[in-house]
Amino acid sequence: MPGGAADETGAVARWRVAARRRGLAGGQSTVRARRLRAGLPAHRAVTTAPATPGVLAVLATLGALAVLAVLAGGPRPAAAQTPAALPAAAAPADPPGSTGGAASTTPAPAGSALPPLVGEGARLGPGWRVAGLPRQKMPLTRYGVARVDGVDALRIEAAASYGNLVHDMPGRPAPARLRWRWRLDEPNAAVDLSSKAGDDAAVKVCLAFELPLERVPFVERQLLRLARAQSGEPLPAATLCWVWGGAEARGAAIDNPYSRRVRVIVLRNRGDGNGRWFEEDRDVAADWRRAFGDESAQVPPLAAVIVAADADNTGGASVAHVAGLRFGP
């Protein structure tokens, strides 16, 4: 055997012995030895396949999920945003014609179905609280009380703002009917409920539900679990909103563009005009089955009742009033 070949063979043998001493698998050592004899590098470069667009989309969703879930109607606020702890600048000041906006400190009567929006002394009703996003930097939507056409009503002012008025009702059976009256006084012309850029509402009334997680589609279920873990809050698995929309047709059912955990039914639109009261009387079970019937034919228990307006996506402004919100048989 030529001396060079013998030297190479000896080098390979010594390398294999050293490899075994380092605890490497004999098969792996043999592969590297063959590569050495062939004049190739002992280590083969490792490449990774680029992430597919679908994977990138999921990763992007995970990164912003907690915020998106709350944007889409999560009823729980940061601890500092309960009415009793709101900073003075965030508390709704009395608008022209308002008779006051601070929340009543009177507890809700035991066993009451739904405390009124307007309580004693022209204050927000007992148990209602303002809920914003965790670490929210944009202004809170303003909730106060005003007398309009002889009616004591909740006044809602949105101006490039976000915030919900919430009454927690965890585990309570959903009502058969939900009734209220509302009017739009200043519309937000940029509202487009089917797009993220236009996903604002001058006024909406919502029910958040404790839909069992096993009823939620697999991917959304995992995202919701992550959102709950990141936010530390029991975000609702399903929220149904009745909305005063923009150009959308009356009766349209629309998935929220941020999350299908929120679905809306358009009751009024810009064609209904401004400054007029409209009465609403909704069959909760029928509307639930229309919006979420693909996940559960049975209406789950409530998590919360929400009245809200926002203008954070459009940067616009709106004013609306709601009165007489109540459960019905």
Foldseek 3Di string as FASTA:
>chain_A
DDPVVVVLVVVLVVQLVVCVVVVHDSVLSVQLSVCVVVVHHSDDDDDDDDDDPVVVVLVVCLVCVLVLLVVQPFDAADPCFWLVNDPPVQAADADVQFQWERADPDADPPPDFDWFQADPSQYGTHQKTKHDYVVDDFHAWYWGWHQDPNATWIKTKAFLHWIKTKHFDPPAADFQKKKWKKFWAFFFQQADQQDQLRNWAQKKKKWFFQDPLVLDPDSVSVSQVSSCVVRVDNGGQAMEMEGAGEPDDQQDKYQGNSDNSYIYGYHHYCVVDGDDMDIDMDRVLVSCCVSPVSRPSDGGHTGMIIMTTYCNSNSHMTMMIMGDIDGDD
